[in-house]
Each structure stands twice: as structure tokens, then as C-alpha cells.
Amino acid sequence: MRFGMILRVLAMLVFSLMLPAAQGEESPPVSAAAASASDATRALGLLARAVALYRQQGDEAFAAFNGPTDFIDAELYVYVLGTNGVMLASGGSSAALIGRQVKNMRDAFGTPFFWDMLEKSKTSDTGVVEYRWLNRLHHKPERKITYFHKVGERLLAVGYYVPRASPEQAGALLERAVAAVTADPEKALTAFNDLNGGFIEDDLYVFAVSLDDGKFRAHGVSPRLLGTDGYALLDPKGQPIIRQMVDALKEKDRGELAYAWRNPVTRKVENKHTQFRKVGDLLVGVGYYTR
């Protein structure tokens, strides 16, 4: 009963992401919110089915979770962790860990995610953890949000991947970039262009354009653009994106623009929404992909 109530609450939360924001507030793009809600709903649904089967069959259900059955849905799969930290079953890339002690395992960013899950399960039978894990569809580590449910001495888990950053993350990165430029423009530009400079997060990065001549001074993932004429840059639909951004800053010190651009994570041309600011003689921008 409790798990069913939690599912309904989580469903209401993800559904609320698709509702229009109140007047005067900005809402995330509907396409991105709908995609996130769909992924979360799929993961919760698969977890609910797995819990139901485990309650019926006990550990014999591991065979269904491990094999090519209806407990594998594209990139979604079930895995089972013992409360002692041993991986017991998995329908995904973590199948290589079955039978091994994984409690102290860390992801690419050093997060002890299995330990976090085990600790949370001591005070609640259900919960959520976030970490980086290999997405076998893209063959890259991606941000993953995983729901778990504890049944006896077993933790059943299903997670979904979030390769696209949120509007809130983009806004926060832009604020950090603006602060860096305000403090020391040249140092900030160097950091924006450096892969290890602290201004590249998942599919987010910072770019900067001179308002005097329209040339790129920084670009987090396309260094080939440095020094080139931004005014000549068109998106795949022929939209002069930098020209439009610079023109918008003639009337105010900030703006937003939607266009098409290549996602460095998925390597596909996707819809992008960029927030940009005027900082001295620079246009500084960060964009997020809206699926």
C-alpha cells in the first residue's frame, strides 16, 4: 500500500512538471518536461512490476530480471542489491557485477551511490539516488536517477538516464560564468575554453562573443570557432543565431533564443534554448537542449 501511495505522489510530481507555470513565472520547455515525466513514469512502472513479481517468487525472480524478458525496456532495466552490498541480479551493464561486493563502488565523479542507497534504505523502504552510469544505448556514462524499493533483505532498483541538463542548471552555470567574467575577463575566458576549467557540465558549456566585432572569444566544446565571425554562423535552419543575440542586447542586458544545434552528448542536432547576458563588451551564453 505504501509503495502504491509513493508511486501516486511521484506521478503527481512529474505530471506537475508539464503544467503551465503561474503568471509571471518561466516554465521549462514542455517537450523537455514531458520527456522527463515519461522516463520517470516508465522507470516507476517497471519497478512496480518487478516488486510485484519478487513478492510472488522471491529470489527466483532474478532469472526474469537477468534475462531478455519484459523486465528490460530499451535503456531501462531492473537490478537487485542485497542489504549486505552484494549485487544479486541485473538486466543491464551492471550484470558484470553480479555476485560481487559493490557497496564501496564509486561512479566517475566519486559518488558512492550504492552506499548512499543502502544507507537510505535503513530509514525508508523507498527512495531515490542520483549518479553517473554507462548508458548502453549511447555507450557513454550519463546522469542517472534511480528509484529503489526494499523488500526484506533485497533492494530492487530501476533508473532512467538524464543526458540533458535542466533550464535551472543552465541558469546557474550562466550566473557563475557572469560572475567569473566580472571578476577577471581574461581568466574567465581561459577557463571557458578549458575542458577542465569547471564550466562544462554534461551537455552544458559557456560561450562568449565580442560585442564589438561579433567574434567568438570562448566556446566550451568547439574551439575551432575561436576568433571566427559569429555573425556568419547559421543554425541548420538558416537562423543567424549570434546576430540575433547581439541585436537583442542592444535594448537590454539579457535575452533568450531558441534554435537548432548539435548536442555534444548525443551528437545529434537538437532543439536548443540559450540564455545570454551582456557583461562589459562580451555576450556570455549558456544553452540547454529541449529534446
C-alpha atoms as a PDB file:
ATOM      1  CA  MET A   1       0.000   0.000   0.000  1.00  0.00           C
ATOM      2  CA  ARG A   2       2.759   2.408   0.967  1.00  0.00           C
ATOM      3  CA  PHE A   3       4.644   1.810  -2.283  1.00  0.00           C
ATOM      4  CA  GLY A   4       1.463   2.457  -4.254  1.00  0.00           C
ATOM      5  CA  MET A   5       0.975   5.760  -2.452  1.00  0.00           C
ATOM      6  CA  ILE A   6       4.559   6.784  -3.215  1.00  0.00           C
ATOM      7  CA  LEU A   7       4.092   5.921  -6.871  1.00  0.00           C
ATOM      8  CA  ARG A   8       1.000   8.121  -6.997  1.00  0.00           C
ATOM      9  CA  VAL A   9       2.811  11.010  -5.314  1.00  0.00           C
ATOM     10  CA  LEU A  10       5.785  10.746  -7.669  1.00  0.00           C
ATOM     11  CA  ALA A  11       3.435  10.522 -10.639  1.00  0.00           C
ATOM     12  CA  MET A  12       1.733  13.737  -9.489  1.00  0.00           C
ATOM     13  CA  LEU A  13       5.132  15.427  -9.193  1.00  0.00           C
ATOM     14  CA  VAL A  14       6.303  14.501 -12.679  1.00  0.00           C
ATOM     15  CA  PHE A  15       2.865  15.403 -14.091  1.00  0.00           C
ATOM     16  CA  SER A  16       3.098  18.815 -12.447  1.00  0.00           C
ATOM     17  CA  LEU A  17       6.234  19.498 -14.499  1.00  0.00           C
ATOM     18  CA  MET A  18       4.043  19.503 -17.600  1.00  0.00           C
ATOM     19  CA  LEU A  19       1.598  22.099 -16.264  1.00  0.00           C
ATOM     20  CA  PRO A  20       1.977  25.764 -17.306  1.00  0.00           C
ATOM     21  CA  ALA A  21       3.798  27.957 -14.792  1.00  0.00           C
ATOM     22  CA  ALA A  22       1.927  30.578 -12.853  1.00  0.00           C
ATOM     23  CA  GLN A  23       1.645  34.016 -14.458  1.00  0.00           C
ATOM     24  CA  GLY A  24       4.928  35.894 -14.236  1.00  0.00           C
ATOM     25  CA  GLU A  25       6.990  32.706 -13.884  1.00  0.00           C
ATOM     26  CA  GLU A  26       9.018  30.920 -16.546  1.00  0.00           C
ATOM     27  CA  SER A  27       8.253  27.269 -17.180  1.00  0.00           C
ATOM     28  CA  PRO A  28      10.657  24.700 -18.621  1.00  0.00           C
ATOM     29  CA  PRO A  29      10.042  23.734 -22.253  1.00  0.00           C
ATOM     30  CA  VAL A  30       7.072  21.391 -22.471  1.00  0.00           C
ATOM     31  CA  SER A  31       8.987  18.910 -24.615  1.00  0.00           C
ATOM     32  CA  ALA A  32      11.760  18.534 -22.028  1.00  0.00           C
ATOM     33  CA  ALA A  33       9.330  18.276 -19.129  1.00  0.00           C
ATOM     34  CA  ALA A  34       7.189  15.733 -20.942  1.00  0.00           C
ATOM     35  CA  ALA A  35      10.236  13.628 -21.783  1.00  0.00           C
ATOM     36  CA  SER A  36      11.439  13.650 -18.169  1.00  0.00           C
ATOM     37  CA  ALA A  37       7.956  12.773 -16.927  1.00  0.00           C
ATOM     38  CA  SER A  38       7.711   9.928 -19.423  1.00  0.00           C
ATOM     39  CA  ASP A  39      11.090   8.466 -18.418  1.00  0.00           C
ATOM     40  CA  ALA A  40      10.270   8.686 -14.718  1.00  0.00           C
ATOM     41  CA  THR A  41       6.867   7.099 -15.265  1.00  0.00           C
ATOM     42  CA  ARG A  42       8.397   4.235 -17.255  1.00  0.00           C
ATOM     43  CA  ALA A  43      11.002   3.621 -14.553  1.00  0.00           C
ATOM     44  CA  LEU A  44       8.438   3.665 -11.747  1.00  0.00           C
ATOM     45  CA  GLY A  45       6.155   1.348 -13.684  1.00  0.00           C
ATOM     46  CA  LEU A  46       8.922  -1.168 -14.326  1.00  0.00           C
ATOM     47  CA  LEU A  47       9.955  -1.050 -10.669  1.00  0.00           C
ATOM     48  CA  ALA A  48       6.378  -1.651  -9.526  1.00  0.00           C
ATOM     49  CA  ARG A  49       6.121  -4.731 -11.771  1.00  0.00           C
ATOM     50  CA  ALA A  50       9.468  -6.018 -10.519  1.00  0.00           C
ATOM     51  CA  VAL A  51       8.428  -5.594  -6.880  1.00  0.00           C
ATOM     52  CA  ALA A  52       5.153  -7.419  -7.550  1.00  0.00           C
ATOM     53  CA  LEU A  53       6.970 -10.358  -9.163  1.00  0.00           C
ATOM     54  CA  TYR A  54       9.554 -10.508  -6.390  1.00  0.00           C
ATOM     55  CA  ARG A  55       6.825 -10.636  -3.745  1.00  0.00           C
ATOM     56  CA  GLN A  56       5.387 -13.654  -5.587  1.00  0.00           C
ATOM     57  CA  GLN A  57       8.571 -15.543  -6.446  1.00  0.00           C
ATOM     58  CA  GLY A  58      11.289 -14.293  -4.105  1.00  0.00           C
ATOM     59  CA  ASP A  59      14.837 -14.772  -5.370  1.00  0.00           C
ATOM     60  CA  GLU A  60      13.550 -16.980  -8.201  1.00  0.00           C
ATOM     61  CA  ALA A  61      12.501 -13.705  -9.876  1.00  0.00           C
ATOM     62  CA  PHE A  62      16.179 -12.953 -10.505  1.00  0.00           C
ATOM     63  CA  ALA A  63      16.028 -15.114 -13.644  1.00  0.00           C
ATOM     64  CA  ALA A  64      13.389 -12.797 -15.118  1.00  0.00           C
ATOM     65  CA  PHE A  65      15.347  -9.679 -14.177  1.00  0.00           C
ATOM     66  CA  ASN A  66      18.588 -11.042 -15.665  1.00  0.00           C
ATOM     67  CA  GLY A  67      17.276 -12.390 -18.946  1.00  0.00           C
ATOM     68  CA  PRO A  68      15.964 -10.776 -22.131  1.00  0.00           C
ATOM     69  CA  THR A  69      12.416 -10.527 -20.808  1.00  0.00           C
ATOM     70  CA  ASP A  70       9.780  -7.844 -20.442  1.00  0.00           C
ATOM     71  CA  PHE A  71      11.767  -6.504 -17.480  1.00  0.00           C
ATOM     72  CA  ILE A  72      14.111  -4.803 -19.943  1.00  0.00           C
ATOM     73  CA  ASP A  73      12.630  -1.737 -21.657  1.00  0.00           C
ATOM     74  CA  ALA A  74      15.157  -0.120 -24.034  1.00  0.00           C
ATOM     75  CA  GLU A  75      17.694   1.535 -21.665  1.00  0.00           C
ATOM     76  CA  LEU A  76      15.641   0.670 -18.559  1.00  0.00           C
ATOM     77  CA  TYR A  77      16.289  -2.487 -16.571  1.00  0.00           C
ATOM     78  CA  VAL A  78      15.957  -3.906 -13.063  1.00  0.00           C
ATOM     79  CA  TYR A  79      18.831  -4.624 -10.740  1.00  0.00           C
ATOM     80  CA  VAL A  80      18.818  -6.113  -7.233  1.00  0.00           C
ATOM     81  CA  LEU A  81      21.206  -5.292  -4.425  1.00  0.00           C
ATOM     82  CA  GLY A  82      21.435  -7.232  -1.191  1.00  0.00           C
ATOM     83  CA  THR A  83      21.433  -5.223   2.023  1.00  0.00           C
ATOM     84  CA  ASN A  84      24.946  -6.636   2.548  1.00  0.00           C
ATOM     85  CA  GLY A  85      26.102  -4.734  -0.561  1.00  0.00           C
ATOM     86  CA  VAL A  86      26.328  -7.687  -2.977  1.00  0.00           C
ATOM     87  CA  MET A  87      24.877  -7.322  -6.485  1.00  0.00           C
ATOM     88  CA  LEU A  88      22.364 -10.159  -6.943  1.00  0.00           C
ATOM     89  CA  ALA A  89      20.707  -9.535 -10.319  1.00  0.00           C
ATOM     90  CA  SER A  90      20.799  -7.106 -13.229  1.00  0.00           C
ATOM     91  CA  GLY A  91      19.394  -6.840 -16.716  1.00  0.00           C
ATOM     92  CA  GLY A  92      21.854  -4.117 -17.736  1.00  0.00           C
ATOM     93  CA  SER A  93      25.562  -3.310 -17.811  1.00  0.00           C
ATOM     94  CA  SER A  94      25.829  -3.966 -14.068  1.00  0.00           C
ATOM     95  CA  ALA A  95      25.272  -7.678 -14.810  1.00  0.00           C
ATOM     96  CA  ALA A  96      29.073  -7.943 -14.779  1.00  0.00           C
ATOM     97  CA  LEU A  97      28.915  -7.113 -11.068  1.00  0.00           C
ATOM     98  CA  ILE A  98      26.581  -9.967 -10.062  1.00  0.00           C
ATOM     99  CA  GLY A  99      27.986 -11.816  -7.061  1.00  0.00           C
ATOM    100  CA  ARG A 100      30.426  -9.034  -6.210  1.00  0.00           C
ATOM    101  CA  GLN A 101      30.560  -6.683  -3.232  1.00  0.00           C
ATOM    102  CA  VAL A 102      29.748  -3.225  -4.657  1.00  0.00           C
ATOM    103  CA  LYS A 103      28.958  -1.219  -1.515  1.00  0.00           C
ATOM    104  CA  ASN A 104      32.055   0.956  -1.827  1.00  0.00           C
ATOM    105  CA  MET A 105      31.967   1.306  -5.614  1.00  0.00           C
ATOM    106  CA  ARG A 106      32.006   4.893  -6.891  1.00  0.00           C
ATOM    107  CA  ASP A 107      30.878   6.478 -10.148  1.00  0.00           C
ATOM    108  CA  ALA A 108      33.046   8.634 -12.445  1.00  0.00           C
ATOM    109  CA  PHE A 109      32.525  11.649 -10.168  1.00  0.00           C
ATOM    110  CA  GLY A 110      33.420   9.754  -6.996  1.00  0.00           C
ATOM    111  CA  THR A 111      29.859   9.313  -5.739  1.00  0.00           C
ATOM    112  CA  PRO A 112      29.440   6.156  -3.574  1.00  0.00           C
ATOM    113  CA  PHE A 113      25.948   5.634  -4.979  1.00  0.00           C
ATOM    114  CA  PHE A 114      25.379   2.052  -3.824  1.00  0.00           C
ATOM    115  CA  TRP A 115      26.441   3.051  -0.307  1.00  0.00           C
ATOM    116  CA  ASP A 116      24.028   6.004  -0.478  1.00  0.00           C
ATOM    117  CA  MET A 117      21.214   3.679  -1.481  1.00  0.00           C
ATOM    118  CA  LEU A 118      21.975   1.209   1.291  1.00  0.00           C
ATOM    119  CA  GLU A 119      22.118   3.992   3.886  1.00  0.00           C
ATOM    120  CA  LYS A 120      18.802   5.457   2.754  1.00  0.00           C
ATOM    121  CA  SER A 121      17.180   2.015   2.889  1.00  0.00           C
ATOM    122  CA  LYS A 122      17.944   1.820   6.612  1.00  0.00           C
ATOM    123  CA  THR A 123      15.375   4.535   7.342  1.00  0.00           C
ATOM    124  CA  SER A 124      12.967   4.158   4.417  1.00  0.00           C
ATOM    125  CA  ASP A 125      11.898   1.239   2.227  1.00  0.00           C
ATOM    126  CA  THR A 126      11.768   3.506  -0.830  1.00  0.00           C
ATOM    127  CA  GLY A 127      13.971   6.280  -2.114  1.00  0.00           C
ATOM    128  CA  VAL A 128      15.885   7.912  -4.948  1.00  0.00           C
ATOM    129  CA  VAL A 129      19.602   8.242  -5.710  1.00  0.00           C
ATOM    130  CA  GLU A 130      21.463  10.032  -8.489  1.00  0.00           C
ATOM    131  CA  TYR A 131      24.806   9.110 -10.074  1.00  0.00           C
ATOM    132  CA  ARG A 132      26.638   8.598 -13.385  1.00  0.00           C
ATOM    133  CA  TRP A 133      26.395   5.217 -15.136  1.00  0.00           C
ATOM    134  CA  LEU A 134      27.059   3.744 -18.566  1.00  0.00           C
ATOM    135  CA  ASN A 135      24.119   4.130 -20.943  1.00  0.00           C
ATOM    136  CA  ARG A 136      24.497   1.123 -23.232  1.00  0.00           C
ATOM    137  CA  LEU A 137      22.443   2.846 -25.958  1.00  0.00           C
ATOM    138  CA  HIS A 138      24.872   5.784 -26.194  1.00  0.00           C
ATOM    139  CA  HIS A 139      27.946   3.929 -24.859  1.00  0.00           C
ATOM    140  CA  LYS A 140      28.693   6.849 -22.530  1.00  0.00           C
ATOM    141  CA  PRO A 141      28.386   7.491 -18.793  1.00  0.00           C
ATOM    142  CA  GLU A 142      25.316   9.662 -18.255  1.00  0.00           C
ATOM    143  CA  ARG A 143      23.468  11.123 -15.295  1.00  0.00           C
ATOM    144  CA  LYS A 144      21.028   8.567 -13.920  1.00  0.00           C
ATOM    145  CA  ILE A 145      18.167   8.909 -11.465  1.00  0.00           C
ATOM    146  CA  THR A 146      17.301   5.597  -9.791  1.00  0.00           C
ATOM    147  CA  TYR A 147      14.285   4.631  -7.705  1.00  0.00           C
ATOM    148  CA  PHE A 148      14.629   1.748  -5.272  1.00  0.00           C
ATOM    149  CA  HIS A 149      12.254  -0.323  -3.165  1.00  0.00           C
ATOM    150  CA  LYS A 150      13.361  -2.521  -0.283  1.00  0.00           C
ATOM    151  CA  VAL A 151      11.684  -5.918   0.116  1.00  0.00           C
ATOM    152  CA  GLY A 152      13.120  -7.866   3.030  1.00  0.00           C
ATOM    153  CA  GLU A 153      16.875  -8.038   2.544  1.00  0.00           C
ATOM    154  CA  ARG A 154      16.720  -7.016  -1.117  1.00  0.00           C
ATOM    155  CA  LEU A 155      16.776  -3.599  -2.787  1.00  0.00           C
ATOM    156  CA  LEU A 156      15.101  -3.615  -6.207  1.00  0.00           C
ATOM    157  CA  ALA A 157      16.045  -0.661  -8.379  1.00  0.00           C
ATOM    158  CA  VAL A 158      15.243   0.897 -11.756  1.00  0.00           C
ATOM    159  CA  GLY A 159      16.767   4.118 -13.077  1.00  0.00           C
ATOM    160  CA  TYR A 160      16.470   6.378 -16.096  1.00  0.00           C
ATOM    161  CA  TYR A 161      19.146   8.431 -17.822  1.00  0.00           C
ATOM    162  CA  VAL A 162      19.182  12.226 -17.943  1.00  0.00           C
ATOM    163  CA  PRO A 163      21.710  13.177 -20.636  1.00  0.00           C
ATOM    164  CA  ARG A 164      20.189  16.656 -20.968  1.00  0.00           C
ATOM    165  CA  ALA A 165      20.685  19.301 -18.343  1.00  0.00           C
ATOM    166  CA  SER A 166      17.756  21.305 -16.980  1.00  0.00           C
ATOM    167  CA  PRO A 167      16.949  25.001 -17.525  1.00  0.00           C
ATOM    168  CA  GLU A 168      17.804  25.571 -13.867  1.00  0.00           C
ATOM    169  CA  GLN A 169      21.282  24.059 -14.339  1.00  0.00           C
ATOM    170  CA  ALA A 170      21.850  26.241 -17.409  1.00  0.00           C
ATOM    171  CA  GLY A 171      20.812  29.350 -15.492  1.00  0.00           C
ATOM    172  CA  ALA A 172      23.094  28.506 -12.590  1.00  0.00           C
ATOM    173  CA  LEU A 173      26.066  27.914 -14.898  1.00  0.00           C
ATOM    174  CA  LEU A 174      25.395  31.223 -16.671  1.00  0.00           C
ATOM    175  CA  GLU A 175      25.361  33.065 -13.338  1.00  0.00           C
ATOM    176  CA  ARG A 176      28.729  31.509 -12.441  1.00  0.00           C
ATOM    177  CA  ALA A 177      30.119  32.488 -15.838  1.00  0.00           C
ATOM    178  CA  VAL A 178      28.908  36.092 -15.488  1.00  0.00           C
ATOM    179  CA  ALA A 179      30.475  36.328 -12.035  1.00  0.00           C
ATOM    180  CA  ALA A 180      33.768  34.972 -13.402  1.00  0.00           C
ATOM    181  CA  VAL A 181      33.858  37.484 -16.272  1.00  0.00           C
ATOM    182  CA  THR A 182      33.009  40.333 -13.923  1.00  0.00           C
ATOM    183  CA  ALA A 183      35.883  39.349 -11.618  1.00  0.00           C
ATOM    184  CA  ASP A 184      38.543  38.717 -14.293  1.00  0.00           C
ATOM    185  CA  PRO A 185      37.532  38.616 -18.001  1.00  0.00           C
ATOM    186  CA  GLU A 186      40.705  37.060 -19.410  1.00  0.00           C
ATOM    187  CA  LYS A 187      40.927  34.420 -16.697  1.00  0.00           C
ATOM    188  CA  ALA A 188      37.254  33.572 -17.229  1.00  0.00           C
ATOM    189  CA  LEU A 189      37.649  33.201 -21.000  1.00  0.00           C
ATOM    190  CA  THR A 190      40.584  30.865 -20.479  1.00  0.00           C
ATOM    191  CA  ALA A 191      38.502  28.750 -18.094  1.00  0.00           C
ATOM    192  CA  PHE A 192      35.548  28.633 -20.511  1.00  0.00           C
ATOM    193  CA  ASN A 193      37.810  27.211 -23.224  1.00  0.00           C
ATOM    194  CA  ASP A 194      39.450  24.670 -20.905  1.00  0.00           C
ATOM    195  CA  LEU A 195      37.857  21.209 -20.703  1.00  0.00           C
ATOM    196  CA  ASN A 196      38.930  21.128 -17.054  1.00  0.00           C
ATOM    197  CA  GLY A 197      38.098  24.743 -16.342  1.00  0.00           C
ATOM    198  CA  GLY A 198      34.928  23.971 -14.411  1.00  0.00           C
ATOM    199  CA  PHE A 199      32.465  25.407 -16.934  1.00  0.00           C
ATOM    200  CA  ILE A 200      31.408  22.241 -18.777  1.00  0.00           C
ATOM    201  CA  GLU A 201      28.625  20.199 -17.155  1.00  0.00           C
ATOM    202  CA  ASP A 202      27.032  17.291 -19.036  1.00  0.00           C
ATOM    203  CA  ASP A 203      25.712  18.943 -22.233  1.00  0.00           C
ATOM    204  CA  LEU A 204      26.126  22.472 -20.836  1.00  0.00           C
ATOM    205  CA  TYR A 205      29.010  24.781 -21.691  1.00  0.00           C
ATOM    206  CA  VAL A 206      29.743  28.511 -21.877  1.00  0.00           C
ATOM    207  CA  PHE A 207      30.420  30.570 -24.984  1.00  0.00           C
ATOM    208  CA  ALA A 208      31.402  34.220 -25.263  1.00  0.00           C
ATOM    209  CA  VAL A 209      31.255  36.627 -28.198  1.00  0.00           C
ATOM    210  CA  SER A 210      32.726  40.119 -28.520  1.00  0.00           C
ATOM    211  CA  LEU A 211      30.001  42.724 -28.859  1.00  0.00           C
ATOM    212  CA  ASP A 212      32.429  44.953 -30.774  1.00  0.00           C
ATOM    213  CA  ASP A 213      33.066  42.684 -33.762  1.00  0.00           C
ATOM    214  CA  GLY A 214      30.898  39.577 -33.232  1.00  0.00           C
ATOM    215  CA  LYS A 215      33.885  37.212 -32.982  1.00  0.00           C
ATOM    216  CA  PHE A 216      33.971  34.221 -30.645  1.00  0.00           C
ATOM    217  CA  ARG A 217      36.207  34.713 -27.615  1.00  0.00           C
ATOM    218  CA  ALA A 218      35.279  31.413 -25.987  1.00  0.00           C
ATOM    219  CA  HIS A 219      33.414  28.207 -26.771  1.00  0.00           C
ATOM    220  CA  GLY A 220      33.439  25.273 -24.373  1.00  0.00           C
ATOM    221  CA  VAL A 221      33.113  22.449 -26.922  1.00  0.00           C
ATOM    222  CA  SER A 222      34.049  23.940 -30.318  1.00  0.00           C
ATOM    223  CA  PRO A 223      37.485  25.600 -30.046  1.00  0.00           C
ATOM    224  CA  ARG A 224      37.557  25.829 -33.852  1.00  0.00           C
ATOM    225  CA  LEU A 225      35.101  28.725 -33.532  1.00  0.00           C
ATOM    226  CA  LEU A 226      37.534  30.902 -31.565  1.00  0.00           C
ATOM    227  CA  GLY A 227      38.294  34.097 -33.472  1.00  0.00           C
ATOM    228  CA  THR A 228      35.714  33.363 -36.165  1.00  0.00           C
ATOM    229  CA  ASP A 229      32.879  35.689 -37.165  1.00  0.00           C
ATOM    230  CA  GLY A 230      29.810  34.775 -35.126  1.00  0.00           C
ATOM    231  CA  TYR A 231      27.583  36.880 -37.367  1.00  0.00           C
ATOM    232  CA  ALA A 232      28.211  34.427 -40.217  1.00  0.00           C
ATOM    233  CA  LEU A 233      27.128  31.472 -38.082  1.00  0.00           C
ATOM    234  CA  LEU A 234      23.767  29.968 -39.042  1.00  0.00           C
ATOM    235  CA  ASP A 235      21.890  27.093 -37.427  1.00  0.00           C
ATOM    236  CA  PRO A 236      20.730  24.186 -39.667  1.00  0.00           C
ATOM    237  CA  LYS A 237      17.525  26.106 -40.368  1.00  0.00           C
ATOM    238  CA  GLY A 238      19.397  29.186 -41.569  1.00  0.00           C
ATOM    239  CA  GLN A 239      18.832  31.270 -38.424  1.00  0.00           C
ATOM    240  CA  PRO A 240      21.654  33.817 -37.759  1.00  0.00           C
ATOM    241  CA  ILE A 241      21.798  32.952 -34.077  1.00  0.00           C
ATOM    242  CA  ILE A 242      24.690  35.141 -32.890  1.00  0.00           C
ATOM    243  CA  ARG A 243      23.438  38.153 -34.856  1.00  0.00           C
ATOM    244  CA  GLN A 244      20.020  37.769 -33.218  1.00  0.00           C
ATOM    245  CA  MET A 245      21.549  37.509 -29.739  1.00  0.00           C
ATOM    246  CA  VAL A 246      23.728  40.588 -30.216  1.00  0.00           C
ATOM    247  CA  ASP A 247      20.798  42.575 -31.602  1.00  0.00           C
ATOM    248  CA  ALA A 248      18.697  41.592 -28.564  1.00  0.00           C
ATOM    249  CA  LEU A 249      21.361  43.026 -26.245  1.00  0.00           C
ATOM    250  CA  LYS A 250      21.130  46.468 -27.866  1.00  0.00           C
ATOM    251  CA  GLU A 251      17.909  47.082 -25.961  1.00  0.00           C
ATOM    252  CA  LYS A 252      18.550  45.163 -22.721  1.00  0.00           C
ATOM    253  CA  ASP A 253      21.311  43.319 -20.897  1.00  0.00           C
ATOM    254  CA  ARG A 254      19.909  39.791 -21.181  1.00  0.00           C
ATOM    255  CA  GLY A 255      17.866  37.598 -23.516  1.00  0.00           C
ATOM    256  CA  GLU A 256      16.924  34.102 -24.672  1.00  0.00           C
ATOM    257  CA  LEU A 257      16.842  32.405 -28.066  1.00  0.00           C
ATOM    258  CA  ALA A 258      15.611  29.044 -29.381  1.00  0.00           C
ATOM    259  CA  TYR A 259      17.371  27.374 -32.319  1.00  0.00           C
ATOM    260  CA  ALA A 260      18.806  24.058 -33.539  1.00  0.00           C
ATOM    261  CA  TRP A 261      22.319  22.937 -32.540  1.00  0.00           C
ATOM    262  CA  ARG A 262      24.433  19.800 -32.150  1.00  0.00           C
ATOM    263  CA  ASN A 263      24.280  18.210 -28.696  1.00  0.00           C
ATOM    264  CA  PRO A 264      27.839  17.241 -27.642  1.00  0.00           C
ATOM    265  CA  VAL A 265      26.471  14.348 -25.561  1.00  0.00           C
ATOM    266  CA  THR A 266      24.062  12.703 -28.018  1.00  0.00           C
ATOM    267  CA  ARG A 267      25.967  14.016 -31.069  1.00  0.00           C
ATOM    268  CA  LYS A 268      22.684  14.868 -32.750  1.00  0.00           C
ATOM    269  CA  VAL A 269      21.192  18.176 -33.886  1.00  0.00           C
ATOM    270  CA  GLU A 270      18.502  19.039 -31.348  1.00  0.00           C
ATOM    271  CA  ASN A 271      16.373  21.986 -30.292  1.00  0.00           C
ATOM    272  CA  LYS A 272      18.315  24.299 -28.001  1.00  0.00           C
ATOM    273  CA  HIS A 273      17.271  27.184 -25.783  1.00  0.00           C
ATOM    274  CA  THR A 274      20.044  29.602 -24.849  1.00  0.00           C
ATOM    275  CA  GLN A 275      20.111  32.214 -22.100  1.00  0.00           C
ATOM    276  CA  PHE A 276      22.623  35.027 -22.655  1.00  0.00           C
ATOM    277  CA  ARG A 277      23.861  38.143 -20.837  1.00  0.00           C
ATOM    278  CA  LYS A 278      25.756  41.328 -21.631  1.00  0.00           C
ATOM    279  CA  VAL A 279      28.861  41.565 -19.450  1.00  0.00           C
ATOM    280  CA  GLY A 280      31.039  44.537 -20.355  1.00  0.00           C
ATOM    281  CA  ASP A 281      31.897  44.167 -24.035  1.00  0.00           C
ATOM    282  CA  LEU A 282      31.005  40.460 -24.101  1.00  0.00           C
ATOM    283  CA  LEU A 283      27.941  38.374 -24.812  1.00  0.00           C
ATOM    284  CA  VAL A 284      28.078  35.377 -22.475  1.00  0.00           C
ATOM    285  CA  GLY A 285      25.694  32.487 -23.076  1.00  0.00           C
ATOM    286  CA  VAL A 286      24.692  29.010 -21.891  1.00  0.00           C
ATOM    287  CA  GLY A 287      22.062  26.844 -23.577  1.00  0.00           C
ATOM    288  CA  TYR A 288      20.176  23.672 -22.740  1.00  0.00           C
ATOM    289  CA  TYR A 289      18.701  21.070 -25.081  1.00  0.00           C
ATOM    290  CA  THR A 290      14.917  20.622 -25.058  1.00  0.00           C
ATOM    291  CA  ARG A 291      14.619  17.275 -26.912  1.00  0.00           C
END
